[in-house]
Amino acid sequence: MVRTWRGTRTRNIKRFDRDSFLDDLPKIPYSVMDVFDEVDDKLFVFEYLYNEVLDEHAPLKQFHVRGGHVPYMTAEWRKAIRHRNRLWKKFTKNKTDENYAVF
């Protein structure tokens, strides 16, 4: 079964260093594009090489956008669900009987 990604992707620029990125851009072997005759092939190679450097400096991160709210979901339920999810995450990080009982 193949699952497709239904979330959102964005670049993680938290530790992005502009000067380092600009230093690495001239190091890309652009001469590889000369091997191809078709413009589409050259563009593909350029995008691939550029994205390699960009992924190194600003990697992609993926996250899910929560779905629309249903009319019967109250603030109290939402708070309880978040609490339950936090307890489950705590249990999965430290699998002890005590954490499971709290969950």
PDB file of N, CA and C in Angstrom:
ATOM      1  N   MET A   1       0.839  -1.174   0.000  1.00  0.00           N
ATOM      2  CA  MET A   1       0.000   0.000   0.000  1.00  0.00           C
ATOM      3  C   MET A   1       0.891   1.245   0.000  1.00  0.00           C
ATOM      4  N   VAL A   2       0.674   2.111  -0.934  1.00  0.00           N
ATOM      5  CA  VAL A   2       1.448   3.336  -1.049  1.00  0.00           C
ATOM      6  C   VAL A   2       0.632   4.488  -0.466  1.00  0.00           C
ATOM      7  N   ARG A   3       1.233   5.199   0.447  1.00  0.00           N
ATOM      8  CA  ARG A   3       0.553   6.347   1.044  1.00  0.00           C
ATOM      9  C   ARG A   3       1.092   7.615   0.412  1.00  0.00           C
ATOM     10  N   THR A   4       0.219   8.509   0.117  1.00  0.00           N
ATOM     11  CA  THR A   4       0.647   9.792  -0.429  1.00  0.00           C
ATOM     12  C   THR A   4       0.660  10.813   0.691  1.00  0.00           C
ATOM     13  N   TRP A   5       1.512  11.809   0.537  1.00  0.00           N
ATOM     14  CA  TRP A   5       1.643  12.843   1.554  1.00  0.00           C
ATOM     15  C   TRP A   5       0.511  13.844   1.391  1.00  0.00           C
ATOM     16  N   ARG A   6      -0.233  14.083   2.440  1.00  0.00           N
ATOM     17  CA  ARG A   6      -1.354  15.014   2.395  1.00  0.00           C
ATOM     18  C   ARG A   6      -1.149  16.215   3.298  1.00  0.00           C
ATOM     19  N   GLY A   7       0.031  16.376   3.796  1.00  0.00           N
ATOM     20  CA  GLY A   7       0.294  17.487   4.691  1.00  0.00           C
ATOM     21  C   GLY A   7       0.901  18.661   3.956  1.00  0.00           C
ATOM     22  N   THR A   8       1.616  19.465   4.691  1.00  0.00           N
ATOM     23  CA  THR A   8       2.247  20.654   4.148  1.00  0.00           C
ATOM     24  C   THR A   8       3.747  20.535   4.327  1.00  0.00           C
ATOM     25  N   ARG A   9       4.474  21.024   3.353  1.00  0.00           N
ATOM     26  CA  ARG A   9       5.929  21.029   3.435  1.00  0.00           C
ATOM     27  C   ARG A   9       6.403  22.470   3.412  1.00  0.00           C
ATOM     28  N   THR A  10       7.402  22.729   4.220  1.00  0.00           N
ATOM     29  CA  THR A  10       8.000  24.048   4.267  1.00  0.00           C
ATOM     30  C   THR A  10       9.469  23.897   4.606  1.00  0.00           C
ATOM     31  N   ARG A  11      10.235  24.904   4.393  1.00  0.00           N
ATOM     32  CA  ARG A  11      11.666  24.855   4.681  1.00  0.00           C
ATOM     33  C   ARG A  11      11.917  25.245   6.134  1.00  0.00           C
ATOM     34  N   ASN A  12      12.840  24.537   6.766  1.00  0.00           N
ATOM     35  CA  ASN A  12      13.253  24.844   8.129  1.00  0.00           C
ATOM     36  C   ASN A  12      14.412  25.830   8.040  1.00  0.00           C
ATOM     37  N   ILE A  13      14.134  27.089   8.293  1.00  0.00           N
ATOM     38  CA  ILE A  13      15.176  28.111   8.184  1.00  0.00           C
ATOM     39  C   ILE A  13      15.647  28.591   9.553  1.00  0.00           C
ATOM     40  N   LYS A  14      15.395  27.781  10.555  1.00  0.00           N
ATOM     41  CA  LYS A  14      15.764  28.159  11.913  1.00  0.00           C
ATOM     42  C   LYS A  14      17.287  28.345  12.038  1.00  0.00           C
ATOM     43  N   ARG A  15      18.068  27.481  11.405  1.00  0.00           N
ATOM     44  CA  ARG A  15      19.527  27.551  11.482  1.00  0.00           C
ATOM     45  C   ARG A  15      20.146  27.925  10.135  1.00  0.00           C
ATOM     46  N   PHE A  16      19.372  28.593   9.283  1.00  0.00           N
ATOM     47  CA  PHE A  16      19.841  28.962   7.952  1.00  0.00           C
ATOM     48  C   PHE A  16      20.903  30.054   8.058  1.00  0.00           C
ATOM     49  N   ASP A  17      22.052  29.796   7.435  1.00  0.00           N
ATOM     50  CA  ASP A  17      23.141  30.766   7.407  1.00  0.00           C
ATOM     51  C   ASP A  17      23.286  31.256   5.969  1.00  0.00           C
ATOM     52  N   ARG A  18      22.854  32.481   5.730  1.00  0.00           N
ATOM     53  CA  ARG A  18      22.827  33.032   4.375  1.00  0.00           C
ATOM     54  C   ARG A  18      24.208  33.054   3.742  1.00  0.00           C
ATOM     55  N   ASP A  19      25.221  33.451   4.487  1.00  0.00           N
ATOM     56  CA  ASP A  19      26.577  33.546   3.939  1.00  0.00           C
ATOM     57  C   ASP A  19      27.121  32.182   3.542  1.00  0.00           C
ATOM     58  N   SER A  20      26.882  31.183   4.366  1.00  0.00           N
ATOM     59  CA  SER A  20      27.320  29.829   4.047  1.00  0.00           C
ATOM     60  C   SER A  20      26.604  29.299   2.798  1.00  0.00           C
ATOM     61  N   PHE A  21      25.319  29.586   2.705  1.00  0.00           N
ATOM     62  CA  PHE A  21      24.553  29.172   1.531  1.00  0.00           C
ATOM     63  C   PHE A  21      25.098  29.834   0.266  1.00  0.00           C
ATOM     64  N   LEU A  22      25.352  31.132   0.337  1.00  0.00           N
ATOM     65  CA  LEU A  22      25.883  31.854  -0.814  1.00  0.00           C
ATOM     66  C   LEU A  22      27.301  31.402  -1.167  1.00  0.00           C
ATOM     67  N   ASP A  23      28.068  30.944  -0.183  1.00  0.00           N
ATOM     68  CA  ASP A  23      29.401  30.395  -0.459  1.00  0.00           C
ATOM     69  C   ASP A  23      29.322  29.057  -1.180  1.00  0.00           C
ATOM     70  N   ASP A  24      28.296  28.265  -0.876  1.00  0.00           N
ATOM     71  CA  ASP A  24      28.161  26.944  -1.489  1.00  0.00           C
ATOM     72  C   ASP A  24      27.575  26.992  -2.898  1.00  0.00           C
ATOM     73  N   LEU A  25      26.836  28.029  -3.226  1.00  0.00           N
ATOM     74  CA  LEU A  25      26.219  28.102  -4.563  1.00  0.00           C
ATOM     75  C   LEU A  25      27.236  28.064  -5.704  1.00  0.00           C
ATOM     76  N   PRO A  26      28.353  28.792  -5.638  1.00  0.00           N
ATOM     77  CA  PRO A  26      29.316  28.705  -6.746  1.00  0.00           C
ATOM     78  C   PRO A  26      30.021  27.354  -6.850  1.00  0.00           C
ATOM     79  N   LYS A  27      29.949  26.553  -5.815  1.00  0.00           N
ATOM     80  CA  LYS A  27      30.589  25.236  -5.824  1.00  0.00           C
ATOM     81  C   LYS A  27      29.765  24.174  -6.540  1.00  0.00           C
ATOM     82  N   ILE A  28      28.543  24.521  -6.949  1.00  0.00           N
ATOM     83  CA  ILE A  28      27.681  23.569  -7.660  1.00  0.00           C
ATOM     84  C   ILE A  28      28.278  23.315  -9.040  1.00  0.00           C
ATOM     85  N   PRO A  29      28.416  22.056  -9.448  1.00  0.00           N
ATOM     86  CA  PRO A  29      28.989  21.758 -10.772  1.00  0.00           C
ATOM     87  C   PRO A  29      27.974  22.005 -11.891  1.00  0.00           C
ATOM     88  N   TYR A  30      27.816  23.271 -12.272  1.00  0.00           N
ATOM     89  CA  TYR A  30      26.854  23.624 -13.309  1.00  0.00           C
ATOM     90  C   TYR A  30      27.230  23.042 -14.668  1.00  0.00           C
ATOM     91  N   SER A  31      28.480  22.669 -14.851  1.00  0.00           N
ATOM     92  CA  SER A  31      28.923  22.136 -16.146  1.00  0.00           C
ATOM     93  C   SER A  31      28.223  20.825 -16.504  1.00  0.00           C
ATOM     94  N   VAL A  32      27.627  20.165 -15.528  1.00  0.00           N
ATOM     95  CA  VAL A  32      26.894  18.927 -15.789  1.00  0.00           C
ATOM     96  C   VAL A  32      25.730  19.189 -16.736  1.00  0.00           C
ATOM     97  N   MET A  33      25.183  20.386 -16.696  1.00  0.00           N
ATOM     98  CA  MET A  33      24.041  20.718 -17.559  1.00  0.00           C
ATOM     99  C   MET A  33      24.435  20.728 -19.035  1.00  0.00           C
ATOM    100  N   ASP A  34      25.716  20.943 -19.346  1.00  0.00           N
ATOM    101  CA  ASP A  34      26.158  21.000 -20.743  1.00  0.00           C
ATOM    102  C   ASP A  34      26.064  19.660 -21.448  1.00  0.00           C
ATOM    103  N   VAL A  35      25.942  18.588 -20.683  1.00  0.00           N
ATOM    104  CA  VAL A  35      25.827  17.252 -21.261  1.00  0.00           C
ATOM    105  C   VAL A  35      24.506  17.094 -22.009  1.00  0.00           C
ATOM    106  N   PHE A  36      23.484  17.814 -21.583  1.00  0.00           N
ATOM    107  CA  PHE A  36      22.147  17.666 -22.143  1.00  0.00           C
ATOM    108  C   PHE A  36      21.874  18.712 -23.217  1.00  0.00           C
ATOM    109  N   ASP A  37      21.068  18.320 -24.205  1.00  0.00           N
ATOM    110  CA  ASP A  37      20.695  19.224 -25.289  1.00  0.00           C
ATOM    111  C   ASP A  37      19.348  19.897 -25.034  1.00  0.00           C
ATOM    112  N   GLU A  38      18.430  19.163 -24.449  1.00  0.00           N
ATOM    113  CA  GLU A  38      17.081  19.675 -24.224  1.00  0.00           C
ATOM    114  C   GLU A  38      17.053  20.647 -23.043  1.00  0.00           C
ATOM    115  N   VAL A  39      16.300  21.712 -23.206  1.00  0.00           N
ATOM    116  CA  VAL A  39      16.180  22.724 -22.159  1.00  0.00           C
ATOM    117  C   VAL A  39      15.530  22.137 -20.908  1.00  0.00           C
ATOM    118  N   ASP A  40      14.533  21.282 -21.104  1.00  0.00           N
ATOM    119  CA  ASP A  40      13.856  20.668 -19.951  1.00  0.00           C
ATOM    120  C   ASP A  40      14.820  19.819 -19.135  1.00  0.00           C
ATOM    121  N   ASP A  41      15.712  19.105 -19.809  1.00  0.00           N
ATOM    122  CA  ASP A  41      16.690  18.281 -19.103  1.00  0.00           C
ATOM    123  C   ASP A  41      17.676  19.156 -18.326  1.00  0.00           C
ATOM    124  N   LYS A  42      18.095  20.256 -18.957  1.00  0.00           N
ATOM    125  CA  LYS A  42      19.011  21.169 -18.270  1.00  0.00           C
ATOM    126  C   LYS A  42      18.344  21.789 -17.038  1.00  0.00           C
ATOM    127  N   LEU A  43      17.081  22.145 -17.176  1.00  0.00           N
ATOM    128  CA  LEU A  43      16.353  22.707 -16.041  1.00  0.00           C
ATOM    129  C   LEU A  43      16.226  21.693 -14.916  1.00  0.00           C
ATOM    130  N   PHE A  44      15.944  20.445 -15.279  1.00  0.00           N
ATOM    131  CA  PHE A  44      15.822  19.395 -14.268  1.00  0.00           C
ATOM    132  C   PHE A  44      17.128  19.245 -13.496  1.00  0.00           C
ATOM    133  N   VAL A  45      18.260  19.213 -14.212  1.00  0.00           N
ATOM    134  CA  VAL A  45      19.564  19.059 -13.562  1.00  0.00           C
ATOM    135  C   VAL A  45      19.863  20.268 -12.681  1.00  0.00           C
ATOM    136  N   PHE A  46      19.563  21.480 -13.186  1.00  0.00           N
ATOM    137  CA  PHE A  46      19.798  22.689 -12.389  1.00  0.00           C
ATOM    138  C   PHE A  46      18.990  22.648 -11.102  1.00  0.00           C
ATOM    139  N   GLU A  47      17.692  22.325 -11.213  1.00  0.00           N
ATOM    140  CA  GLU A  47      16.839  22.272 -10.020  1.00  0.00           C
ATOM    141  C   GLU A  47      17.333  21.221  -9.043  1.00  0.00           C
ATOM    142  N   TYR A  48      17.761  20.069  -9.566  1.00  0.00           N
ATOM    143  CA  TYR A  48      18.247  19.003  -8.694  1.00  0.00           C
ATOM    144  C   TYR A  48      19.492  19.466  -7.928  1.00  0.00           C
ATOM    145  N   LEU A  49      20.462  20.042  -8.645  1.00  0.00           N
ATOM    146  CA  LEU A  49      21.699  20.488  -8.003  1.00  0.00           C
ATOM    147  C   LEU A  49      21.434  21.614  -7.006  1.00  0.00           C
ATOM    148  N   TYR A  50      20.589  22.554  -7.389  1.00  0.00           N
ATOM    149  CA  TYR A  50      20.262  23.673  -6.500  1.00  0.00           C
ATOM    150  C   TYR A  50      19.551  23.171  -5.242  1.00  0.00           C
ATOM    151  N   ASN A  51      18.585  22.259  -5.414  1.00  0.00           N
ATOM    152  CA  ASN A  51      17.842  21.725  -4.268  1.00  0.00           C
ATOM    153  C   ASN A  51      18.721  20.906  -3.340  1.00  0.00           C
ATOM    154  N   GLU A  52      19.769  20.275  -3.890  1.00  0.00           N
ATOM    155  CA  GLU A  52      20.711  19.541  -3.036  1.00  0.00           C
ATOM    156  C   GLU A  52      21.357  20.502  -2.028  1.00  0.00           C
ATOM    157  N   VAL A  53      21.817  21.640  -2.520  1.00  0.00           N
ATOM    158  CA  VAL A  53      22.452  22.624  -1.645  1.00  0.00           C
ATOM    159  C   VAL A  53      21.421  23.249  -0.706  1.00  0.00           C
ATOM    160  N   LEU A  54      20.256  23.568  -1.248  1.00  0.00           N
ATOM    161  CA  LEU A  54      19.211  24.168  -0.421  1.00  0.00           C
ATOM    162  C   LEU A  54      18.752  23.219   0.682  1.00  0.00           C
ATOM    163  N   ASP A  55      18.619  21.937   0.378  1.00  0.00           N
ATOM    164  CA  ASP A  55      18.207  20.956   1.388  1.00  0.00           C
ATOM    165  C   ASP A  55      19.251  20.822   2.495  1.00  0.00           C
ATOM    166  N   GLU A  56      20.507  21.046   2.145  1.00  0.00           N
ATOM    167  CA  GLU A  56      21.556  20.962   3.154  1.00  0.00           C
ATOM    168  C   GLU A  56      21.466  22.132   4.139  1.00  0.00           C
ATOM    169  N   HIS A  57      21.129  23.299   3.630  1.00  0.00           N
ATOM    170  CA  HIS A  57      21.099  24.495   4.473  1.00  0.00           C
ATOM    171  C   HIS A  57      19.719  24.770   5.083  1.00  0.00           C
ATOM    172  N   ALA A  58      18.668  24.407   4.362  1.00  0.00           N
ATOM    173  CA  ALA A  58      17.302  24.639   4.841  1.00  0.00           C
ATOM    174  C   ALA A  58      16.471  23.406   4.492  1.00  0.00           C
ATOM    175  N   PRO A  59      16.581  22.348   5.293  1.00  0.00           N
ATOM    176  CA  PRO A  59      15.878  21.103   4.960  1.00  0.00           C
ATOM    177  C   PRO A  59      14.362  21.258   5.002  1.00  0.00           C
ATOM    178  N   LEU A  60      13.687  20.398   4.243  1.00  0.00           N
ATOM    179  CA  LEU A  60      12.234  20.401   4.237  1.00  0.00           C
ATOM    180  C   LEU A  60      11.722  19.770   5.516  1.00  0.00           C
ATOM    181  N   LYS A  61      10.670  20.339   6.056  1.00  0.00           N
ATOM    182  CA  LYS A  61       9.993  19.717   7.188  1.00  0.00           C
ATOM    183  C   LYS A  61       8.538  19.540   6.790  1.00  0.00           C
ATOM    184  N   GLN A  62       7.939  18.509   7.299  1.00  0.00           N
ATOM    185  CA  GLN A  62       6.569  18.177   6.935  1.00  0.00           C
ATOM    186  C   GLN A  62       5.698  18.225   8.184  1.00  0.00           C
ATOM    187  N   PHE A  63       4.480  18.691   8.004  1.00  0.00           N
ATOM    188  CA  PHE A  63       3.545  18.696   9.120  1.00  0.00           C
ATOM    189  C   PHE A  63       2.137  18.595   8.574  1.00  0.00           C
ATOM    190  N   HIS A  64       1.263  18.127   9.418  1.00  0.00           N
ATOM    191  CA  HIS A  64      -0.141  17.979   9.058  1.00  0.00           C
ATOM    192  C   HIS A  64      -0.920  19.196   9.511  1.00  0.00           C
ATOM    193  N   VAL A  65      -1.789  19.651   8.661  1.00  0.00           N
ATOM    194  CA  VAL A  65      -2.696  20.725   9.033  1.00  0.00           C
ATOM    195  C   VAL A  65      -3.948  20.067   9.564  1.00  0.00           C
ATOM    196  N   ARG A  66      -4.354  20.467  10.728  1.00  0.00           N
ATOM    197  CA  ARG A  66      -5.538  19.864  11.330  1.00  0.00           C
ATOM    198  C   ARG A  66      -6.760  20.143  10.471  1.00  0.00           C
ATOM    199  N   GLY A  67      -7.652  19.180  10.438  1.00  0.00           N
ATOM    200  CA  GLY A  67      -8.854  19.306   9.626  1.00  0.00           C
ATOM    201  C   GLY A  67      -9.827  20.330  10.175  1.00  0.00           C
ATOM    202  N   GLY A  68     -10.886  20.540   9.425  1.00  0.00           N
ATOM    203  CA  GLY A  68     -11.901  21.506   9.846  1.00  0.00           C
ATOM    204  C   GLY A  68     -12.583  21.051  11.125  1.00  0.00           C
ATOM    205  N   HIS A  69     -13.108  21.990  11.823  1.00  0.00           N
ATOM    206  CA  HIS A  69     -13.757  21.682  13.095  1.00  0.00           C
ATOM    207  C   HIS A  69     -15.185  21.214  12.851  1.00  0.00           C
ATOM    208  N   VAL A  70     -15.606  20.272  13.650  1.00  0.00           N
ATOM    209  CA  VAL A  70     -16.970  19.775  13.576  1.00  0.00           C
ATOM    210  C   VAL A  70     -17.824  20.576  14.565  1.00  0.00           C
ATOM    211  N   PRO A  71     -19.095  20.717  14.299  1.00  0.00           N
ATOM    212  CA  PRO A  71     -19.922  21.597  15.143  1.00  0.00           C
ATOM    213  C   PRO A  71     -20.068  21.127  16.588  1.00  0.00           C
ATOM    214  N   TYR A  72     -19.925  19.823  16.837  1.00  0.00           N
ATOM    215  CA  TYR A  72     -20.129  19.334  18.203  1.00  0.00           C
ATOM    216  C   TYR A  72     -18.836  19.312  19.016  1.00  0.00           C
ATOM    217  N   MET A  73     -17.710  19.741  18.445  1.00  0.00           N
ATOM    218  CA  MET A  73     -16.446  19.755  19.179  1.00  0.00           C
ATOM    219  C   MET A  73     -16.399  21.001  20.064  1.00  0.00           C
ATOM    220  N   THR A  74     -16.385  20.770  21.360  1.00  0.00           N
ATOM    221  CA  THR A  74     -16.349  21.893  22.300  1.00  0.00           C
ATOM    222  C   THR A  74     -14.910  22.160  22.724  1.00  0.00           C
ATOM    223  N   ALA A  75     -14.686  23.299  23.325  1.00  0.00           N
ATOM    224  CA  ALA A  75     -13.355  23.647  23.810  1.00  0.00           C
ATOM    225  C   ALA A  75     -12.902  22.656  24.881  1.00  0.00           C
ATOM    226  N   GLU A  76     -13.846  22.177  25.667  1.00  0.00           N
ATOM    227  CA  GLU A  76     -13.525  21.203  26.717  1.00  0.00           C
ATOM    228  C   GLU A  76     -13.031  19.888  26.112  1.00  0.00           C
ATOM    229  N   TRP A  77     -13.702  19.407  25.064  1.00  0.00           N
ATOM    230  CA  TRP A  77     -13.271  18.180  24.380  1.00  0.00           C
ATOM    231  C   TRP A  77     -11.886  18.367  23.766  1.00  0.00           C
ATOM    232  N   ARG A  78     -11.692  19.509  23.099  1.00  0.00           N
ATOM    233  CA  ARG A  78     -10.419  19.781  22.441  1.00  0.00           C
ATOM    234  C   ARG A  78      -9.286  19.767  23.463  1.00  0.00           C
ATOM    235  N   LYS A  79      -9.530  20.359  24.632  1.00  0.00           N
ATOM    236  CA  LYS A  79      -8.527  20.391  25.691  1.00  0.00           C
ATOM    237  C   LYS A  79      -8.234  18.974  26.194  1.00  0.00           C
ATOM    238  N   ALA A  80      -9.282  18.158  26.347  1.00  0.00           N
ATOM    239  CA  ALA A  80      -9.098  16.776  26.805  1.00  0.00           C
ATOM    240  C   ALA A  80      -8.310  15.957  25.779  1.00  0.00           C
ATOM    241  N   ILE A  81      -8.572  16.167  24.514  1.00  0.00           N
ATOM    242  CA  ILE A  81      -7.851  15.434  23.463  1.00  0.00           C
ATOM    243  C   ILE A  81      -6.377  15.826  23.465  1.00  0.00           C
ATOM    244  N   ARG A  82      -6.096  17.119  23.596  1.00  0.00           N
ATOM    245  CA  ARG A  82      -4.697  17.561  23.650  1.00  0.00           C
ATOM    246  C   ARG A  82      -3.987  16.970  24.867  1.00  0.00           C
ATOM    247  N   HIS A  83      -4.673  16.933  25.997  1.00  0.00           N
ATOM    248  CA  HIS A  83      -4.093  16.351  27.214  1.00  0.00           C
ATOM    249  C   HIS A  83      -3.791  14.868  27.015  1.00  0.00           C
ATOM    250  N   ARG A  84      -4.756  14.144  26.418  1.00  0.00           N
ATOM    251  CA  ARG A  84      -4.552  12.726  26.141  1.00  0.00           C
ATOM    252  C   ARG A  84      -3.350  12.522  25.226  1.00  0.00           C
ATOM    253  N   ASN A  85      -3.232  13.348  24.180  1.00  0.00           N
ATOM    254  CA  ASN A  85      -2.123  13.205  23.238  1.00  0.00           C
ATOM    255  C   ASN A  85      -0.776  13.494  23.888  1.00  0.00           C
ATOM    256  N   ARG A  86      -0.740  14.473  24.796  1.00  0.00           N
ATOM    257  CA  ARG A  86       0.503  14.756  25.515  1.00  0.00           C
ATOM    258  C   ARG A  86       0.912  13.573  26.392  1.00  0.00           C
ATOM    259  N   LEU A  87      -0.077  12.961  27.064  1.00  0.00           N
ATOM    260  CA  LEU A  87       0.234  11.814  27.914  1.00  0.00           C
ATOM    261  C   LEU A  87       0.722  10.637  27.082  1.00  0.00           C
ATOM    262  N   TRP A  88       0.138  10.441  25.912  1.00  0.00           N
ATOM    263  CA  TRP A  88       0.570   9.345  25.032  1.00  0.00           C
ATOM    264  C   TRP A  88       1.995   9.595  24.546  1.00  0.00           C
ATOM    265  N   LYS A  89       2.301  10.822  24.190  1.00  0.00           N
ATOM    266  CA  LYS A  89       3.650  11.161  23.738  1.00  0.00           C
ATOM    267  C   LYS A  89       4.658  10.947  24.859  1.00  0.00           C
ATOM    268  N   LYS A  90       4.268  11.306  26.083  1.00  0.00           N
ATOM    269  CA  LYS A  90       5.144  11.091  27.234  1.00  0.00           C
ATOM    270  C   LYS A  90       5.391   9.602  27.439  1.00  0.00           C
ATOM    271  N   PHE A  91       4.339   8.785  27.279  1.00  0.00           N
ATOM    272  CA  PHE A  91       4.489   7.350  27.443  1.00  0.00           C
ATOM    273  C   PHE A  91       5.383   6.765  26.359  1.00  0.00           C
ATOM    274  N   THR A  92       5.223   7.205  25.103  1.00  0.00           N
ATOM    275  CA  THR A  92       6.028   6.621  24.025  1.00  0.00           C
ATOM    276  C   THR A  92       7.504   6.985  24.170  1.00  0.00           C
ATOM    277  N   LYS A  93       7.821   8.130  24.794  1.00  0.00           N
ATOM    278  CA  LYS A  93       9.218   8.501  25.016  1.00  0.00           C
ATOM    279  C   LYS A  93       9.832   7.723  26.174  1.00  0.00           C
ATOM    280  N   ASN A  94       9.010   7.439  27.205  1.00  0.00           N
ATOM    281  CA  ASN A  94       9.493   6.742  28.394  1.00  0.00           C
ATOM    282  C   ASN A  94       8.455   5.688  28.769  1.00  0.00           C
ATOM    283  N   LYS A  95       8.616   4.491  28.238  1.00  0.00           N
ATOM    284  CA  LYS A  95       7.604   3.450  28.405  1.00  0.00           C
ATOM    285  C   LYS A  95       7.727   2.776  29.767  1.00  0.00           C
ATOM    286  N   THR A  96       7.027   3.358  30.729  1.00  0.00           N
ATOM    287  CA  THR A  96       6.968   2.771  32.058  1.00  0.00           C
ATOM    288  C   THR A  96       5.505   2.480  32.393  1.00  0.00           C
ATOM    289  N   ASP A  97       5.311   1.616  33.355  1.00  0.00           N
ATOM    290  CA  ASP A  97       3.957   1.287  33.780  1.00  0.00           C
ATOM    291  C   ASP A  97       3.253   2.505  34.350  1.00  0.00           C
ATOM    292  N   GLU A  98       3.997   3.339  35.039  1.00  0.00           N
ATOM    293  CA  GLU A  98       3.405   4.540  35.637  1.00  0.00           C
ATOM    294  C   GLU A  98       2.903   5.505  34.560  1.00  0.00           C
ATOM    295  N   ASN A  99       3.718   5.722  33.512  1.00  0.00           N
ATOM    296  CA  ASN A  99       3.283   6.616  32.434  1.00  0.00           C
ATOM    297  C   ASN A  99       2.078   6.050  31.692  1.00  0.00           C
ATOM    298  N   TYR A 100       2.043   4.729  31.539  1.00  0.00           N
ATOM    299  CA  TYR A 100       0.897   4.121  30.855  1.00  0.00           C
ATOM    300  C   TYR A 100      -0.362   4.251  31.701  1.00  0.00           C
ATOM    301  N   ALA A 101      -0.218   4.084  33.011  1.00  0.00           N
ATOM    302  CA  ALA A 101      -1.383   4.194  33.905  1.00  0.00           C
ATOM    303  C   ALA A 101      -1.919   5.617  33.887  1.00  0.00           C
ATOM    304  N   VAL A 102      -1.048   6.606  33.820  1.00  0.00           N
ATOM    305  CA  VAL A 102      -1.491   7.998  33.752  1.00  0.00           C
ATOM    306  C   VAL A 102      -2.196   8.242  32.442  1.00  0.00           C
ATOM    307  N   PHE A 103      -1.663   7.650  31.373  1.00  0.00           N
ATOM    308  CA  PHE A 103      -2.319   7.796  30.057  1.00  0.00           C
ATOM    309  C   PHE A 103      -3.717   7.201  30.094  1.00  0.00           C
TER     310      PHE A 103
END
